[in-house]
PDB file of N, CA and C in Angstrom:
ATOM      1  N   MET A   1       0.827  -1.197   0.000  1.00  0.00           N
ATOM      2  CA  MET A   1       0.000   0.000   0.000  1.00  0.00           C
ATOM      3  C   MET A   1       0.868   1.256   0.000  1.00  0.00           C
ATOM      4  N   GLU A   2       2.077   1.070  -0.455  1.00  0.00           N
ATOM      5  CA  GLU A   2       2.984   2.209  -0.613  1.00  0.00           C
ATOM      6  C   GLU A   2       2.349   3.284  -1.497  1.00  0.00           C
ATOM      7  N   LEU A   3       1.558   2.851  -2.472  1.00  0.00           N
ATOM      8  CA  LEU A   3       0.882   3.774  -3.378  1.00  0.00           C
ATOM      9  C   LEU A   3       0.021   4.775  -2.614  1.00  0.00           C
ATOM     10  N   ALA A   4      -0.734   4.300  -1.629  1.00  0.00           N
ATOM     11  CA  ALA A   4      -1.598   5.183  -0.841  1.00  0.00           C
ATOM     12  C   ALA A   4      -0.769   6.190  -0.060  1.00  0.00           C
ATOM     13  N   LEU A   5       0.327   5.736   0.531  1.00  0.00           N
ATOM     14  CA  LEU A   5       1.189   6.644   1.287  1.00  0.00           C
ATOM     15  C   LEU A   5       1.810   7.687   0.370  1.00  0.00           C
ATOM     16  N   GLU A   6       2.228   7.270  -0.820  1.00  0.00           N
ATOM     17  CA  GLU A   6       2.804   8.210  -1.781  1.00  0.00           C
ATOM     18  C   GLU A   6       1.772   9.225  -2.254  1.00  0.00           C
ATOM     19  N   ALA A   7       0.506   8.827  -2.291  1.00  0.00           N
ATOM     20  CA  ALA A   7      -0.568   9.719  -2.725  1.00  0.00           C
ATOM     21  C   ALA A   7      -0.989  10.690  -1.628  1.00  0.00           C
ATOM     22  N   GLY A   8      -0.500  10.494  -0.391  1.00  0.00           N
ATOM     23  CA  GLY A   8      -0.809  11.421   0.690  1.00  0.00           C
ATOM     24  C   GLY A   8      -1.520  10.834   1.886  1.00  0.00           C
ATOM     25  N   ALA A   9      -1.716   9.517   1.923  1.00  0.00           N
ATOM     26  CA  ALA A   9      -2.371   8.890   3.076  1.00  0.00           C
ATOM     27  C   ALA A   9      -1.522   9.068   4.330  1.00  0.00           C
ATOM     28  N   GLU A  10      -2.185   9.204   5.470  1.00  0.00           N
ATOM     29  CA  GLU A  10      -1.488   9.349   6.748  1.00  0.00           C
ATOM     30  C   GLU A  10      -1.077   8.008   7.330  1.00  0.00           C
ATOM     31  N   ASP A  11      -1.909   6.983   7.119  1.00  0.00           N
ATOM     32  CA  ASP A  11      -1.639   5.686   7.737  1.00  0.00           C
ATOM     33  C   ASP A  11      -2.382   4.594   6.977  1.00  0.00           C
ATOM     34  N   ILE A  12      -1.885   3.383   7.112  1.00  0.00           N
ATOM     35  CA  ILE A  12      -2.508   2.194   6.544  1.00  0.00           C
ATOM     36  C   ILE A  12      -2.728   1.216   7.693  1.00  0.00           C
ATOM     37  N   ILE A  13      -3.949   0.696   7.825  1.00  0.00           N
ATOM     38  CA  ILE A  13      -4.265  -0.255   8.888  1.00  0.00           C
ATOM     39  C   ILE A  13      -4.737  -1.556   8.247  1.00  0.00           C
ATOM     40  N   ASN A  14      -4.042  -2.648   8.536  1.00  0.00           N
ATOM     41  CA  ASN A  14      -4.455  -3.973   8.072  1.00  0.00           C
ATOM     42  C   ASN A  14      -5.387  -4.569   9.117  1.00  0.00           C
ATOM     43  N   ASP A  15      -6.666  -4.712   8.765  1.00  0.00           N
ATOM     44  CA  ASP A  15      -7.655  -5.244   9.692  1.00  0.00           C
ATOM     45  C   ASP A  15      -7.596  -6.765   9.744  1.00  0.00           C
ATOM     46  N   GLU A  16      -8.131  -7.338  10.822  1.00  0.00           N
ATOM     47  CA  GLU A  16      -8.110  -8.785  11.037  1.00  0.00           C
ATOM     48  C   GLU A  16      -8.858  -9.555   9.949  1.00  0.00           C
ATOM     49  N   ASP A  17      -9.855  -8.925   9.339  1.00  0.00           N
ATOM     50  CA  ASP A  17     -10.641  -9.611   8.303  1.00  0.00           C
ATOM     51  C   ASP A  17      -9.972  -9.583   6.931  1.00  0.00           C
ATOM     52  N   GLY A  18      -8.764  -9.045   6.867  1.00  0.00           N
ATOM     53  CA  GLY A  18      -8.023  -8.997   5.612  1.00  0.00           C
ATOM     54  C   GLY A  18      -8.217  -7.709   4.835  1.00  0.00           C
ATOM     55  N   SER A  19      -9.119  -6.852   5.304  1.00  0.00           N
ATOM     56  CA  SER A  19      -9.323  -5.577   4.625  1.00  0.00           C
ATOM     57  C   SER A  19      -8.238  -4.587   5.043  1.00  0.00           C
ATOM     58  N   ILE A  20      -8.136  -3.522   4.289  1.00  0.00           N
ATOM     59  CA  ILE A  20      -7.126  -2.504   4.554  1.00  0.00           C
ATOM     60  C   ILE A  20      -7.829  -1.167   4.693  1.00  0.00           C
ATOM     61  N   GLU A  21      -7.531  -0.455   5.776  1.00  0.00           N
ATOM     62  CA  GLU A  21      -8.052   0.892   5.979  1.00  0.00           C
ATOM     63  C   GLU A  21      -6.969   1.877   5.597  1.00  0.00           C
ATOM     64  N   VAL A  22      -7.343   2.871   4.813  1.00  0.00           N
ATOM     65  CA  VAL A  22      -6.416   3.926   4.433  1.00  0.00           C
ATOM     66  C   VAL A  22      -6.890   5.196   5.130  1.00  0.00           C
ATOM     67  N   ILE A  23      -6.076   5.716   6.027  1.00  0.00           N
ATOM     68  CA  ILE A  23      -6.420   6.924   6.781  1.00  0.00           C
ATOM     69  C   ILE A  23      -5.846   8.123   6.033  1.00  0.00           C
ATOM     70  N   THR A  24      -6.725   9.070   5.684  1.00  0.00           N
ATOM     71  CA  THR A  24      -6.296  10.232   4.910  1.00  0.00           C
ATOM     72  C   THR A  24      -6.835  11.511   5.533  1.00  0.00           C
ATOM     73  N   PRO A  25      -6.161  12.621   5.284  1.00  0.00           N
ATOM     74  CA  PRO A  25      -6.774  13.901   5.637  1.00  0.00           C
ATOM     75  C   PRO A  25      -8.020  14.085   4.757  1.00  0.00           C
ATOM     76  N   THR A  26      -9.042  14.714   5.271  1.00  0.00           N
ATOM     77  CA  THR A  26     -10.292  14.887   4.529  1.00  0.00           C
ATOM     78  C   THR A  26     -10.054  15.523   3.166  1.00  0.00           C
ATOM     79  N   GLN A  27      -9.206  16.541   3.114  1.00  0.00           N
ATOM     80  CA  GLN A  27      -8.983  17.257   1.862  1.00  0.00           C
ATOM     81  C   GLN A  27      -8.238  16.413   0.817  1.00  0.00           C
ATOM     82  N   GLU A  28      -7.623  15.310   1.217  1.00  0.00           N
ATOM     83  CA  GLU A  28      -6.894  14.430   0.294  1.00  0.00           C
ATOM     84  C   GLU A  28      -7.712  13.197  -0.105  1.00  0.00           C
ATOM     85  N   PHE A  29      -8.898  13.045   0.437  1.00  0.00           N
ATOM     86  CA  PHE A  29      -9.698  11.828   0.259  1.00  0.00           C
ATOM     87  C   PHE A  29      -9.904  11.455  -1.214  1.00  0.00           C
ATOM     88  N   ILE A  30     -10.425  12.371  -2.008  1.00  0.00           N
ATOM     89  CA  ILE A  30     -10.737  12.086  -3.412  1.00  0.00           C
ATOM     90  C   ILE A  30      -9.466  11.763  -4.188  1.00  0.00           C
ATOM     91  N   GLN A  31      -8.415  12.531  -3.968  1.00  0.00           N
ATOM     92  CA  GLN A  31      -7.152  12.318  -4.679  1.00  0.00           C
ATOM     93  C   GLN A  31      -6.594  10.920  -4.410  1.00  0.00           C
ATOM     94  N   ILE A  32      -6.611  10.493  -3.163  1.00  0.00           N
ATOM     95  CA  ILE A  32      -6.071   9.177  -2.806  1.00  0.00           C
ATOM     96  C   ILE A  32      -6.976   8.065  -3.332  1.00  0.00           C
ATOM     97  N   LYS A  33      -8.282   8.257  -3.230  1.00  0.00           N
ATOM     98  CA  LYS A  33      -9.224   7.269  -3.765  1.00  0.00           C
ATOM     99  C   LYS A  33      -8.995   7.074  -5.259  1.00  0.00           C
ATOM    100  N   GLU A  34      -8.859   8.162  -6.000  1.00  0.00           N
ATOM    101  CA  GLU A  34      -8.635   8.070  -7.444  1.00  0.00           C
ATOM    102  C   GLU A  34      -7.300   7.409  -7.764  1.00  0.00           C
ATOM    103  N   ALA A  35      -6.267   7.676  -6.968  1.00  0.00           N
ATOM    104  CA  ALA A  35      -4.962   7.043  -7.189  1.00  0.00           C
ATOM    105  C   ALA A  35      -5.068   5.528  -7.022  1.00  0.00           C
ATOM    106  N   LEU A  36      -5.811   5.084  -6.021  1.00  0.00           N
ATOM    107  CA  LEU A  36      -5.988   3.649  -5.798  1.00  0.00           C
ATOM    108  C   LEU A  36      -6.804   3.006  -6.922  1.00  0.00           C
ATOM    109  N   LEU A  37      -7.853   3.687  -7.368  1.00  0.00           N
ATOM    110  CA  LEU A  37      -8.668   3.165  -8.470  1.00  0.00           C
ATOM    111  C   LEU A  37      -7.864   3.108  -9.768  1.00  0.00           C
ATOM    112  N   ASN A  38      -7.082   4.153 -10.036  1.00  0.00           N
ATOM    113  CA  ASN A  38      -6.261   4.194 -11.248  1.00  0.00           C
ATOM    114  C   ASN A  38      -5.198   3.105 -11.253  1.00  0.00           C
ATOM    115  N   ALA A  39      -4.814   2.632 -10.065  1.00  0.00           N
ATOM    116  CA  ALA A  39      -3.834   1.548  -9.960  1.00  0.00           C
ATOM    117  C   ALA A  39      -4.503   0.180 -10.123  1.00  0.00           C
ATOM    118  N   GLY A  40      -5.833   0.179 -10.309  1.00  0.00           N
ATOM    119  CA  GLY A  40      -6.548  -1.070 -10.532  1.00  0.00           C
ATOM    120  C   GLY A  40      -7.030  -1.759  -9.271  1.00  0.00           C
ATOM    121  N   LEU A  41      -6.965  -1.072  -8.138  1.00  0.00           N
ATOM    122  CA  LEU A  41      -7.434  -1.670  -6.891  1.00  0.00           C
ATOM    123  C   LEU A  41      -8.954  -1.549  -6.786  1.00  0.00           C
ATOM    124  N   LYS A  42      -9.585  -2.551  -6.207  1.00  0.00           N
ATOM    125  CA  LYS A  42     -11.032  -2.542  -5.984  1.00  0.00           C
ATOM    126  C   LYS A  42     -11.295  -1.962  -4.600  1.00  0.00           C
ATOM    127  N   ILE A  43     -12.138  -0.961  -4.543  1.00  0.00           N
ATOM    128  CA  ILE A  43     -12.495  -0.335  -3.272  1.00  0.00           C
ATOM    129  C   ILE A  43     -13.902  -0.783  -2.910  1.00  0.00           C
ATOM    130  N   GLU A  44     -14.036  -1.478  -1.786  1.00  0.00           N
ATOM    131  CA  GLU A  44     -15.353  -1.947  -1.348  1.00  0.00           C
ATOM    132  C   GLU A  44     -16.151  -0.842  -0.677  1.00  0.00           C
ATOM    133  N   LEU A  45     -15.478   0.020   0.061  1.00  0.00           N
ATOM    134  CA  LEU A  45     -16.149   1.099   0.772  1.00  0.00           C
ATOM    135  C   LEU A  45     -15.200   2.278   0.871  1.00  0.00           C
ATOM    136  N   ALA A  46     -15.686   3.444   0.517  1.00  0.00           N
ATOM    137  CA  ALA A  46     -14.900   4.667   0.651  1.00  0.00           C
ATOM    138  C   ALA A  46     -15.802   5.716   1.279  1.00  0.00           C
ATOM    139  N   GLU A  47     -15.427   6.191   2.445  1.00  0.00           N
ATOM    140  CA  GLU A  47     -16.249   7.172   3.138  1.00  0.00           C
ATOM    141  C   GLU A  47     -15.382   8.040   4.032  1.00  0.00           C
ATOM    142  N   VAL A  48     -15.890   9.232   4.287  1.00  0.00           N
ATOM    143  CA  VAL A  48     -15.253  10.124   5.245  1.00  0.00           C
ATOM    144  C   VAL A  48     -15.905   9.840   6.592  1.00  0.00           C
ATOM    145  N   ALA A  49     -15.104   9.510   7.578  1.00  0.00           N
ATOM    146  CA  ALA A  49     -15.620   9.175   8.906  1.00  0.00           C
ATOM    147  C   ALA A  49     -14.835   9.943   9.960  1.00  0.00           C
ATOM    148  N   MET A  50     -15.483  10.215  11.057  1.00  0.00           N
ATOM    149  CA  MET A  50     -14.829  10.889  12.177  1.00  0.00           C
ATOM    150  C   MET A  50     -14.101   9.849  13.019  1.00  0.00           C
ATOM    151  N   ARG A  51     -12.844  10.125  13.331  1.00  0.00           N
ATOM    152  CA  ARG A  51     -12.055   9.222  14.174  1.00  0.00           C
ATOM    153  C   ARG A  51     -11.588  10.018  15.394  1.00  0.00           C
ATOM    154  N   PRO A  52     -11.806   9.503  16.597  1.00  0.00           N
ATOM    155  CA  PRO A  52     -11.394  10.247  17.794  1.00  0.00           C
ATOM    156  C   PRO A  52      -9.872  10.281  17.936  1.00  0.00           C
ATOM    157  N   THR A  53      -9.376  11.396  18.454  1.00  0.00           N
ATOM    158  CA  THR A  53      -7.948  11.474  18.761  1.00  0.00           C
ATOM    159  C   THR A  53      -7.688  10.971  20.172  1.00  0.00           C
ATOM    160  N   LEU A  54      -8.700  11.044  21.024  1.00  0.00           N
ATOM    161  CA  LEU A  54      -8.622  10.506  22.381  1.00  0.00           C
ATOM    162  C   LEU A  54      -9.815   9.582  22.595  1.00  0.00           C
ATOM    163  N   GLU A  55      -9.603   8.523  23.341  1.00  0.00           N
ATOM    164  CA  GLU A  55     -10.691   7.592  23.636  1.00  0.00           C
ATOM    165  C   GLU A  55     -10.950   7.558  25.135  1.00  0.00           C
ATOM    166  N   ASN A  56     -12.200   7.289  25.506  1.00  0.00           N
ATOM    167  CA  ASN A  56     -12.600   7.201  26.904  1.00  0.00           C
ATOM    168  C   ASN A  56     -13.097   5.792  27.192  1.00  0.00           C
ATOM    169  N   ALA A  57     -12.423   5.097  28.068  1.00  0.00           N
ATOM    170  CA  ALA A  57     -12.814   3.731  28.424  1.00  0.00           C
ATOM    171  C   ALA A  57     -13.995   3.768  29.395  1.00  0.00           C
ATOM    172  N   LEU A  58     -15.027   2.992  29.081  1.00  0.00           N
ATOM    173  CA  LEU A  58     -16.194   2.875  29.951  1.00  0.00           C
ATOM    174  C   LEU A  58     -16.436   1.402  30.239  1.00  0.00           C
ATOM    175  N   SER A  59     -16.768   1.108  31.481  1.00  0.00           N
ATOM    176  CA  SER A  59     -17.070  -0.274  31.842  1.00  0.00           C
ATOM    177  C   SER A  59     -18.219  -0.285  32.839  1.00  0.00           C
ATOM    178  N   GLY A  60     -18.704  -1.459  33.130  1.00  0.00           N
ATOM    179  CA  GLY A  60     -19.776  -1.598  34.117  1.00  0.00           C
ATOM    180  C   GLY A  60     -21.034  -0.877  33.691  1.00  0.00           C
ATOM    181  N   ASP A  61     -21.689  -0.218  34.661  1.00  0.00           N
ATOM    182  CA  ASP A  61     -22.943   0.485  34.392  1.00  0.00           C
ATOM    183  C   ASP A  61     -22.770   1.607  33.380  1.00  0.00           C
ATOM    184  N   ASP A  62     -21.637   2.311  33.441  1.00  0.00           N
ATOM    185  CA  ASP A  62     -21.394   3.390  32.479  1.00  0.00           C
ATOM    186  C   ASP A  62     -21.338   2.846  31.054  1.00  0.00           C
ATOM    187  N   GLY A  63     -20.676   1.724  30.867  1.00  0.00           N
ATOM    188  CA  GLY A  63     -20.594   1.103  29.551  1.00  0.00           C
ATOM    189  C   GLY A  63     -21.952   0.643  29.051  1.00  0.00           C
ATOM    190  N   ILE A  64     -22.751   0.074  29.938  1.00  0.00           N
ATOM    191  CA  ILE A  64     -24.097  -0.391  29.577  1.00  0.00           C
ATOM    192  C   ILE A  64     -24.971   0.786  29.160  1.00  0.00           C
ATOM    193  N   ARG A  65     -24.924   1.873  29.957  1.00  0.00           N
ATOM    194  CA  ARG A  65     -25.725   3.056  29.632  1.00  0.00           C
ATOM    195  C   ARG A  65     -25.297   3.659  28.297  1.00  0.00           C
ATOM    196  N   MET A  66     -23.987   3.744  28.071  1.00  0.00           N
ATOM    197  CA  MET A  66     -23.499   4.314  26.813  1.00  0.00           C
ATOM    198  C   MET A  66     -23.934   3.458  25.631  1.00  0.00           C
ATOM    199  N   GLN A  67     -23.861   2.142  25.763  1.00  0.00           N
ATOM    200  CA  GLN A  67     -24.272   1.261  24.666  1.00  0.00           C
ATOM    201  C   GLN A  67     -25.751   1.433  24.355  1.00  0.00           C
ATOM    202  N   LYS A  68     -26.577   1.608  25.402  1.00  0.00           N
ATOM    203  CA  LYS A  68     -28.012   1.838  25.189  1.00  0.00           C
ATOM    204  C   LYS A  68     -28.245   3.147  24.438  1.00  0.00           C
ATOM    205  N   ILE A  69     -27.499   4.191  24.807  1.00  0.00           N
ATOM    206  CA  ILE A  69     -27.628   5.484  24.124  1.00  0.00           C
ATOM    207  C   ILE A  69     -27.232   5.342  22.655  1.00  0.00           C
ATOM    208  N   LEU A  70     -26.107   4.684  22.405  1.00  0.00           N
ATOM    209  CA  LEU A  70     -25.637   4.507  21.028  1.00  0.00           C
ATOM    210  C   LEU A  70     -26.633   3.705  20.201  1.00  0.00           C
ATOM    211  N   ASP A  71     -27.180   2.641  20.783  1.00  0.00           N
ATOM    212  CA  ASP A  71     -28.170   1.821  20.081  1.00  0.00           C
ATOM    213  C   ASP A  71     -29.431   2.624  19.769  1.00  0.00           C
ATOM    214  N   THR A  72     -29.879   3.433  20.731  1.00  0.00           N
ATOM    215  CA  THR A  72     -31.070   4.252  20.533  1.00  0.00           C
ATOM    216  C   THR A  72     -30.849   5.264  19.418  1.00  0.00           C
ATOM    217  N   LEU A  73     -29.703   5.934  19.427  1.00  0.00           N
ATOM    218  CA  LEU A  73     -29.394   6.903  18.375  1.00  0.00           C
ATOM    219  C   LEU A  73     -29.314   6.225  17.012  1.00  0.00           C
ATOM    220  N   ASP A  74     -28.680   5.080  16.962  1.00  0.00           N
ATOM    221  CA  ASP A  74     -28.501   4.358  15.702  1.00  0.00           C
ATOM    222  C   ASP A  74     -29.833   3.886  15.123  1.00  0.00           C
ATOM    223  N   ASP A  75     -30.817   3.636  15.976  1.00  0.00           N
ATOM    224  CA  ASP A  75     -32.133   3.172  15.529  1.00  0.00           C
ATOM    225  C   ASP A  75     -33.008   4.290  14.960  1.00  0.00           C
ATOM    226  N   LEU A  76     -32.639   5.552  15.189  1.00  0.00           N
ATOM    227  CA  LEU A  76     -33.430   6.669  14.682  1.00  0.00           C
ATOM    228  C   LEU A  76     -33.285   6.771  13.166  1.00  0.00           C
ATOM    229  N   ASP A  77     -34.394   6.948  12.461  1.00  0.00           N
ATOM    230  CA  ASP A  77     -34.372   7.024  11.000  1.00  0.00           C
ATOM    231  C   ASP A  77     -33.552   8.207  10.484  1.00  0.00           C
ATOM    232  N   ASP A  78     -33.561   9.313  11.214  1.00  0.00           N
ATOM    233  CA  ASP A  78     -32.858  10.510  10.758  1.00  0.00           C
ATOM    234  C   ASP A  78     -31.354  10.462  11.005  1.00  0.00           C
ATOM    235  N   VAL A  79     -30.896   9.495  11.760  1.00  0.00           N
ATOM    236  CA  VAL A  79     -29.467   9.391  12.092  1.00  0.00           C
ATOM    237  C   VAL A  79     -28.788   8.466  11.094  1.00  0.00           C
ATOM    238  N   GLN A  80     -27.738   8.987  10.442  1.00  0.00           N
ATOM    239  CA  GLN A  80     -27.006   8.188   9.458  1.00  0.00           C
ATOM    240  C   GLN A  80     -25.783   7.521  10.070  1.00  0.00           C
ATOM    241  N   GLU A  81     -25.068   8.216  10.916  1.00  0.00           N
ATOM    242  CA  GLU A  81     -23.861   7.683  11.557  1.00  0.00           C
ATOM    243  C   GLU A  81     -23.813   8.163  13.001  1.00  0.00           C
ATOM    244  N   VAL A  82     -23.258   7.347  13.874  1.00  0.00           N
ATOM    245  CA  VAL A  82     -23.069   7.719  15.275  1.00  0.00           C
ATOM    246  C   VAL A  82     -21.588   7.563  15.593  1.00  0.00           C
ATOM    247  N   TYR A  83     -20.992   8.619  16.102  1.00  0.00           N
ATOM    248  CA  TYR A  83     -19.580   8.601  16.469  1.00  0.00           C
ATOM    249  C   TYR A  83     -19.443   8.823  17.966  1.00  0.00           C
ATOM    250  N   THR A  84     -18.447   8.208  18.567  1.00  0.00           N
ATOM    251  CA  THR A  84     -18.203   8.383  19.995  1.00  0.00           C
ATOM    252  C   THR A  84     -16.721   8.199  20.288  1.00  0.00           C
ATOM    253  N   THR A  85     -16.298   8.773  21.387  1.00  0.00           N
ATOM    254  CA  THR A  85     -14.930   8.539  21.851  1.00  0.00           C
ATOM    255  C   THR A  85     -14.904   7.420  22.881  1.00  0.00           C
ATOM    256  N   ALA A  86     -16.077   6.868  23.182  1.00  0.00           N
ATOM    257  CA  ALA A  86     -16.166   5.819  24.205  1.00  0.00           C
ATOM    258  C   ALA A  86     -15.662   4.482  23.670  1.00  0.00           C
ATOM    259  N   VAL A  87     -14.894   3.805  24.499  1.00  0.00           N
ATOM    260  CA  VAL A  87     -14.487   2.425  24.240  1.00  0.00           C
ATOM    261  C   VAL A  87     -15.138   1.610  25.345  1.00  0.00           C
ATOM    262  N   ILE A  88     -16.115   0.801  24.985  1.00  0.00           N
ATOM    263  CA  ILE A  88     -16.881   0.061  25.984  1.00  0.00           C
ATOM    264  C   ILE A  88     -16.192  -1.266  26.255  1.00  0.00           C
ATOM    265  N   GLU A  89     -15.769  -1.420  27.501  1.00  0.00           N
ATOM    266  CA  GLU A  89     -15.053  -2.627  27.915  1.00  0.00           C
ATOM    267  C   GLU A  89     -16.018  -3.580  28.599  1.00  0.00           C
ATOM    268  N   ASN A  90     -15.848  -4.856  28.362  1.00  0.00           N
ATOM    269  CA  ASN A  90     -16.712  -5.870  28.993  1.00  0.00           C
ATOM    270  C   ASN A  90     -16.251  -6.173  30.389  1.00  0.00           C
TER     271      ASN A  90
END
């Protein structure tokens, strides 16, 4: 994935399922996507998403309450994406 880094990507993450995440600055998104497509790579999903710079660990009752809030928000028809800095620990 040197190609993505050369095109301006900040980071490459190899996920456990074999997929690859390319982290880019928002303003470089289209340019990097086009570079990957022009190289003949198949892109299954390309989207701009919010990623937290800091995470907050929640466990116990706090984790349960946060998960309920996230589930409720996600179930709303008007909500397309839900982002959080919470990391819910079991």
